[in-house]
Amino acid sequence: MTKLLQEIKDDLDFVKFHTLQPKWYKVLKVIILAGFLAGYYFLFGLTKTVIFFVVFLFLSLLVHLLYRAKTNKWKRNWLDFVVVEEHNEIKAKRIGIYYYSAIIFNALLSALISQVVP
């Protein structure tokens, strides 16, 4: 159990401190998601919004875990994830089209699933 908690802590630290996106964009993403969920709620109601959110979080977690595994915990290049060595330290440098395409696909699939489920 402590190993799982340590892995979760490592992931949270990476998400909090990575330099793949500017800090303002990290905040903007939360605002965009909250605004989108509010609009979704007003258009489709609480149940469909909760379904959308749960499915979206699950699919995004799968993308996160896939990137985590394929990049050996963010230490090697894979697809659009680029790492560089700076001052004898490996740092994540860039992420791109594949990652963002996966997130857009997750949002579309989540919307479809939330609309199909009664």
N, C-alpha and C. Protein backbone atom coordinates (compact mmCIF):
# COMPACT_ATOMS: atom_id res chain seq x y z
N MET A 1 0.82 -1.20 0.00
CA MET A 1 0.00 0.00 0.00
C MET A 1 0.86 1.26 0.00
N THR A 2 1.97 1.24 0.76
CA THR A 2 2.82 2.42 0.80
C THR A 2 3.50 2.65 -0.54
N LYS A 3 3.78 1.57 -1.30
CA LYS A 3 4.37 1.74 -2.63
C LYS A 3 3.38 2.43 -3.55
N LEU A 4 2.11 2.05 -3.49
CA LEU A 4 1.08 2.70 -4.30
C LEU A 4 0.95 4.17 -3.93
N LEU A 5 0.95 4.47 -2.64
CA LEU A 5 0.86 5.87 -2.20
C LEU A 5 2.07 6.67 -2.67
N GLN A 6 3.25 6.05 -2.66
CA GLN A 6 4.45 6.74 -3.13
C GLN A 6 4.36 7.00 -4.64
N GLU A 7 3.84 6.03 -5.40
CA GLU A 7 3.67 6.21 -6.85
C GLU A 7 2.67 7.34 -7.13
N ILE A 8 1.60 7.40 -6.38
CA ILE A 8 0.62 8.47 -6.54
C ILE A 8 1.26 9.82 -6.19
N LYS A 9 2.05 9.85 -5.12
CA LYS A 9 2.74 11.09 -4.75
C LYS A 9 3.70 11.52 -5.85
N ASP A 10 4.44 10.56 -6.43
CA ASP A 10 5.35 10.88 -7.53
C ASP A 10 4.60 11.47 -8.71
N ASP A 11 3.45 10.89 -9.05
CA ASP A 11 2.65 11.40 -10.16
C ASP A 11 2.13 12.81 -9.87
N LEU A 12 1.63 13.02 -8.66
CA LEU A 12 1.13 14.35 -8.31
C LEU A 12 2.24 15.39 -8.34
N ASP A 13 3.43 15.01 -7.86
CA ASP A 13 4.57 15.92 -7.91
C ASP A 13 4.92 16.26 -9.36
N PHE A 14 4.90 15.25 -10.23
CA PHE A 14 5.21 15.51 -11.64
C PHE A 14 4.18 16.46 -12.24
N VAL A 15 2.91 16.18 -12.01
CA VAL A 15 1.85 17.02 -12.57
C VAL A 15 1.97 18.45 -12.04
N LYS A 16 2.30 18.58 -10.78
CA LYS A 16 2.38 19.91 -10.16
C LYS A 16 3.61 20.70 -10.64
N PHE A 17 4.73 20.02 -10.83
CA PHE A 17 5.98 20.73 -11.07
C PHE A 17 6.54 20.60 -12.49
N HIS A 18 5.86 19.89 -13.38
CA HIS A 18 6.43 19.75 -14.73
C HIS A 18 6.44 21.09 -15.46
N THR A 19 7.30 21.14 -16.45
CA THR A 19 7.47 22.37 -17.23
C THR A 19 6.96 22.20 -18.66
N LEU A 20 6.08 21.25 -18.87
CA LEU A 20 5.54 21.00 -20.21
C LEU A 20 4.60 22.11 -20.65
N GLN A 21 4.02 22.78 -19.70
CA GLN A 21 3.09 23.89 -19.99
C GLN A 21 3.39 25.01 -19.00
N PRO A 22 3.14 26.24 -19.41
CA PRO A 22 3.33 27.35 -18.46
C PRO A 22 2.35 27.24 -17.29
N LYS A 23 2.71 27.80 -16.17
CA LYS A 23 1.86 27.73 -14.98
C LYS A 23 0.49 28.35 -15.23
N TRP A 24 0.43 29.42 -15.99
CA TRP A 24 -0.86 30.07 -16.25
C TRP A 24 -1.78 29.12 -17.03
N TYR A 25 -1.19 28.27 -17.88
CA TYR A 25 -2.01 27.34 -18.66
C TYR A 25 -2.57 26.23 -17.77
N LYS A 26 -1.79 25.81 -16.78
CA LYS A 26 -2.28 24.79 -15.84
C LYS A 26 -3.52 25.31 -15.11
N VAL A 27 -3.50 26.57 -14.72
CA VAL A 27 -4.66 27.18 -14.06
C VAL A 27 -5.80 27.34 -15.05
N LEU A 28 -5.48 27.78 -16.26
CA LEU A 28 -6.50 27.97 -17.29
C LEU A 28 -7.24 26.67 -17.62
N LYS A 29 -6.51 25.54 -17.61
CA LYS A 29 -7.15 24.26 -17.88
C LYS A 29 -8.24 23.95 -16.87
N VAL A 30 -7.99 24.25 -15.62
CA VAL A 30 -8.97 24.00 -14.57
C VAL A 30 -10.19 24.89 -14.78
N ILE A 31 -9.95 26.15 -15.12
CA ILE A 31 -11.05 27.09 -15.36
C ILE A 31 -11.87 26.65 -16.58
N ILE A 32 -11.18 26.22 -17.64
CA ILE A 32 -11.88 25.75 -18.84
C ILE A 32 -12.73 24.53 -18.52
N LEU A 33 -12.17 23.57 -17.79
CA LEU A 33 -12.93 22.36 -17.43
C LEU A 33 -14.13 22.71 -16.56
N ALA A 34 -13.95 23.58 -15.58
CA ALA A 34 -15.06 23.97 -14.72
C ALA A 34 -16.15 24.69 -15.52
N GLY A 35 -15.75 25.58 -16.41
CA GLY A 35 -16.72 26.27 -17.25
C GLY A 35 -17.45 25.31 -18.18
N PHE A 36 -16.71 24.38 -18.76
CA PHE A 36 -17.32 23.39 -19.63
C PHE A 36 -18.33 22.54 -18.87
N LEU A 37 -17.94 22.10 -17.67
CA LEU A 37 -18.85 21.28 -16.85
C LEU A 37 -20.10 22.06 -16.45
N ALA A 38 -19.94 23.33 -16.14
CA ALA A 38 -21.10 24.15 -15.80
C ALA A 38 -22.04 24.27 -16.99
N GLY A 39 -21.50 24.52 -18.16
CA GLY A 39 -22.32 24.59 -19.36
C GLY A 39 -22.98 23.25 -19.68
N TYR A 40 -22.25 22.19 -19.51
CA TYR A 40 -22.79 20.84 -19.76
C TYR A 40 -23.94 20.56 -18.79
N TYR A 41 -23.76 20.98 -17.54
CA TYR A 41 -24.80 20.80 -16.53
C TYR A 41 -26.07 21.55 -16.93
N PHE A 42 -25.94 22.79 -17.35
CA PHE A 42 -27.11 23.59 -17.71
C PHE A 42 -27.80 23.05 -18.96
N LEU A 43 -27.02 22.47 -19.86
CA LEU A 43 -27.60 21.91 -21.09
C LEU A 43 -28.22 20.52 -20.89
N PHE A 44 -27.55 19.67 -20.10
CA PHE A 44 -27.95 18.26 -20.07
C PHE A 44 -28.29 17.72 -18.69
N GLY A 45 -28.08 18.49 -17.64
CA GLY A 45 -28.45 18.04 -16.30
C GLY A 45 -27.31 17.39 -15.55
N LEU A 46 -27.58 17.14 -14.28
CA LEU A 46 -26.57 16.64 -13.36
C LEU A 46 -26.08 15.24 -13.72
N THR A 47 -26.99 14.33 -14.02
CA THR A 47 -26.61 12.94 -14.28
C THR A 47 -25.65 12.83 -15.46
N LYS A 48 -26.00 13.46 -16.56
CA LYS A 48 -25.14 13.39 -17.74
C LYS A 48 -23.80 14.09 -17.51
N THR A 49 -23.81 15.14 -16.71
CA THR A 49 -22.56 15.84 -16.39
C THR A 49 -21.66 14.96 -15.54
N VAL A 50 -22.22 14.29 -14.55
CA VAL A 50 -21.43 13.40 -13.71
C VAL A 50 -20.88 12.25 -14.54
N ILE A 51 -21.69 11.67 -15.40
CA ILE A 51 -21.22 10.59 -16.27
C ILE A 51 -20.09 11.09 -17.16
N PHE A 52 -20.28 12.25 -17.78
CA PHE A 52 -19.22 12.82 -18.62
C PHE A 52 -17.93 12.97 -17.82
N PHE A 53 -18.02 13.57 -16.65
CA PHE A 53 -16.84 13.86 -15.83
C PHE A 53 -16.12 12.58 -15.40
N VAL A 54 -16.88 11.59 -14.95
CA VAL A 54 -16.27 10.33 -14.49
C VAL A 54 -15.59 9.61 -15.66
N VAL A 55 -16.26 9.53 -16.80
CA VAL A 55 -15.67 8.88 -17.98
C VAL A 55 -14.44 9.65 -18.44
N PHE A 56 -14.53 10.98 -18.48
CA PHE A 56 -13.40 11.79 -18.91
C PHE A 56 -12.20 11.61 -17.98
N LEU A 57 -12.44 11.61 -16.67
CA LEU A 57 -11.34 11.40 -15.72
C LEU A 57 -10.72 10.02 -15.90
N PHE A 58 -11.56 9.00 -16.09
CA PHE A 58 -11.05 7.64 -16.27
C PHE A 58 -10.20 7.54 -17.54
N LEU A 59 -10.70 8.06 -18.65
CA LEU A 59 -9.95 8.00 -19.90
C LEU A 59 -8.66 8.82 -19.81
N SER A 60 -8.72 9.95 -19.14
CA SER A 60 -7.52 10.77 -18.97
C SER A 60 -6.50 10.07 -18.08
N LEU A 61 -6.98 9.36 -17.08
CA LEU A 61 -6.08 8.57 -16.24
C LEU A 61 -5.38 7.49 -17.08
N LEU A 62 -6.12 6.86 -17.99
CA LEU A 62 -5.51 5.86 -18.87
C LEU A 62 -4.42 6.48 -19.75
N VAL A 63 -4.68 7.67 -20.28
CA VAL A 63 -3.66 8.36 -21.09
C VAL A 63 -2.44 8.67 -20.22
N HIS A 64 -2.69 9.17 -19.01
CA HIS A 64 -1.60 9.48 -18.09
C HIS A 64 -0.75 8.23 -17.80
N LEU A 65 -1.42 7.13 -17.49
CA LEU A 65 -0.70 5.90 -17.17
C LEU A 65 0.05 5.34 -18.38
N LEU A 66 -0.52 5.48 -19.56
CA LEU A 66 0.15 5.03 -20.77
C LEU A 66 1.44 5.84 -20.99
N TYR A 67 1.33 7.16 -20.90
CA TYR A 67 2.52 8.00 -21.05
C TYR A 67 3.53 7.71 -19.95
N ARG A 68 3.05 7.50 -18.75
CA ARG A 68 3.93 7.21 -17.62
C ARG A 68 4.72 5.94 -17.88
N ALA A 69 4.04 4.91 -18.35
CA ALA A 69 4.70 3.62 -18.61
C ALA A 69 5.66 3.71 -19.80
N LYS A 70 5.21 4.30 -20.89
CA LYS A 70 6.01 4.35 -22.12
C LYS A 70 7.22 5.28 -21.99
N THR A 71 7.14 6.25 -21.10
CA THR A 71 8.26 7.18 -20.92
C THR A 71 9.13 6.81 -19.71
N ASN A 72 8.85 5.63 -19.15
CA ASN A 72 9.60 5.17 -17.98
C ASN A 72 9.59 6.24 -16.88
N LYS A 73 8.39 6.62 -16.48
CA LYS A 73 8.17 7.68 -15.48
C LYS A 73 8.77 9.00 -15.93
N TRP A 74 8.51 9.37 -17.16
CA TRP A 74 8.90 10.67 -17.72
C TRP A 74 10.41 10.85 -17.85
N LYS A 75 11.12 9.74 -18.13
CA LYS A 75 12.58 9.82 -18.25
C LYS A 75 13.09 9.53 -19.66
N ARG A 76 12.20 9.17 -20.59
CA ARG A 76 12.65 8.94 -21.96
C ARG A 76 11.60 9.42 -22.95
N ASN A 77 12.05 9.70 -24.15
CA ASN A 77 11.16 10.18 -25.21
C ASN A 77 10.20 9.09 -25.64
N TRP A 78 8.99 9.51 -25.98
CA TRP A 78 8.00 8.60 -26.56
C TRP A 78 6.95 9.45 -27.27
N LEU A 79 6.66 9.11 -28.52
CA LEU A 79 5.73 9.86 -29.35
C LEU A 79 6.07 11.34 -29.31
N ASP A 80 5.19 12.14 -28.73
CA ASP A 80 5.40 13.59 -28.69
C ASP A 80 5.95 14.07 -27.35
N PHE A 81 6.30 13.15 -26.48
CA PHE A 81 6.86 13.50 -25.18
C PHE A 81 8.38 13.54 -25.32
N VAL A 82 8.97 14.68 -25.04
CA VAL A 82 10.41 14.87 -25.23
C VAL A 82 11.05 15.22 -23.90
N VAL A 83 12.14 14.52 -23.60
CA VAL A 83 12.92 14.84 -22.41
C VAL A 83 14.32 15.28 -22.83
N VAL A 84 14.91 16.12 -22.01
CA VAL A 84 16.28 16.59 -22.24
C VAL A 84 17.05 16.50 -20.94
N GLU A 85 18.36 16.47 -21.07
CA GLU A 85 19.20 16.47 -19.88
C GLU A 85 19.76 17.88 -19.69
N GLU A 86 19.45 18.46 -18.55
CA GLU A 86 19.94 19.79 -18.20
C GLU A 86 20.60 19.73 -16.83
N HIS A 87 21.86 20.11 -16.76
CA HIS A 87 22.59 20.12 -15.50
C HIS A 87 22.56 18.74 -14.84
N ASN A 88 22.82 17.71 -15.62
CA ASN A 88 22.84 16.32 -15.16
C ASN A 88 21.50 15.86 -14.58
N GLU A 89 20.44 16.49 -15.04
CA GLU A 89 19.09 16.12 -14.58
C GLU A 89 18.19 15.96 -15.80
N ILE A 90 17.41 14.90 -15.82
CA ILE A 90 16.48 14.66 -16.92
C ILE A 90 15.20 15.43 -16.65
N LYS A 91 14.80 16.26 -17.62
CA LYS A 91 13.60 17.08 -17.46
C LYS A 91 12.69 16.89 -18.66
N ALA A 92 11.41 16.88 -18.39
CA ALA A 92 10.42 16.82 -19.47
C ALA A 92 10.43 18.17 -20.16
N LYS A 93 10.54 18.15 -21.48
CA LYS A 93 10.66 19.40 -22.22
C LYS A 93 9.39 19.76 -22.98
N ARG A 94 8.77 18.76 -23.61
CA ARG A 94 7.67 19.10 -24.51
C ARG A 94 6.71 17.92 -24.62
N ILE A 95 5.47 18.26 -24.88
CA ILE A 95 4.43 17.29 -25.21
C ILE A 95 3.61 17.93 -26.32
N GLY A 96 2.99 17.13 -27.17
CA GLY A 96 2.38 17.75 -28.32
C GLY A 96 1.11 17.11 -28.84
N ILE A 97 1.06 16.95 -30.13
CA ILE A 97 -0.17 16.65 -30.86
C ILE A 97 -0.82 15.34 -30.45
N TYR A 98 -0.05 14.30 -30.19
CA TYR A 98 -0.65 13.02 -29.82
C TYR A 98 -1.36 13.11 -28.47
N TYR A 99 -0.70 13.76 -27.52
CA TYR A 99 -1.30 13.90 -26.19
C TYR A 99 -2.58 14.72 -26.26
N TYR A 100 -2.51 15.87 -26.90
CA TYR A 100 -3.69 16.73 -26.96
C TYR A 100 -4.80 16.11 -27.81
N SER A 101 -4.43 15.36 -28.82
CA SER A 101 -5.44 14.63 -29.61
C SER A 101 -6.13 13.59 -28.74
N ALA A 102 -5.38 12.92 -27.89
CA ALA A 102 -5.97 11.93 -26.99
C ALA A 102 -6.94 12.59 -26.02
N ILE A 103 -6.60 13.76 -25.52
CA ILE A 103 -7.48 14.47 -24.59
C ILE A 103 -8.76 14.91 -25.29
N ILE A 104 -8.64 15.43 -26.51
CA ILE A 104 -9.83 15.81 -27.27
C ILE A 104 -10.69 14.60 -27.57
N PHE A 105 -10.06 13.49 -27.95
CA PHE A 105 -10.80 12.25 -28.18
C PHE A 105 -11.52 11.81 -26.90
N ASN A 106 -10.84 11.91 -25.76
CA ASN A 106 -11.46 11.56 -24.47
C ASN A 106 -12.70 12.41 -24.21
N ALA A 107 -12.61 13.70 -24.49
CA ALA A 107 -13.75 14.59 -24.27
C ALA A 107 -14.92 14.22 -25.18
N LEU A 108 -14.62 13.95 -26.44
CA LEU A 108 -15.69 13.58 -27.38
C LEU A 108 -16.32 12.25 -27.02
N LEU A 109 -15.49 11.26 -26.68
CA LEU A 109 -16.02 9.95 -26.29
C LEU A 109 -16.82 10.06 -24.99
N SER A 110 -16.36 10.86 -24.05
CA SER A 110 -17.09 11.06 -22.80
C SER A 110 -18.44 11.70 -23.05
N ALA A 111 -18.48 12.68 -23.95
CA ALA A 111 -19.75 13.32 -24.29
C ALA A 111 -20.69 12.31 -24.94
N LEU A 112 -20.17 11.51 -25.86
CA LEU A 112 -21.00 10.50 -26.52
C LEU A 112 -21.55 9.50 -25.51
N ILE A 113 -20.70 9.00 -24.66
CA ILE A 113 -21.14 8.02 -23.65
C ILE A 113 -22.17 8.63 -22.72
N SER A 114 -21.95 9.87 -22.28
CA SER A 114 -22.90 10.50 -21.36
C SER A 114 -24.25 10.73 -22.00
N GLN A 115 -24.26 10.92 -23.31
CA GLN A 115 -25.53 11.15 -24.02
C GLN A 115 -26.26 9.83 -24.30
N VAL A 116 -25.51 8.75 -24.47
CA VAL A 116 -26.13 7.47 -24.80
C VAL A 116 -26.70 6.78 -23.56
N VAL A 117 -26.01 6.92 -22.43
CA VAL A 117 -26.46 6.29 -21.19
C VAL A 117 -27.74 6.98 -20.73
N PRO A 118 -28.80 6.19 -20.45
CA PRO A 118 -30.07 6.83 -20.06
C PRO A 118 -30.04 7.49 -18.68
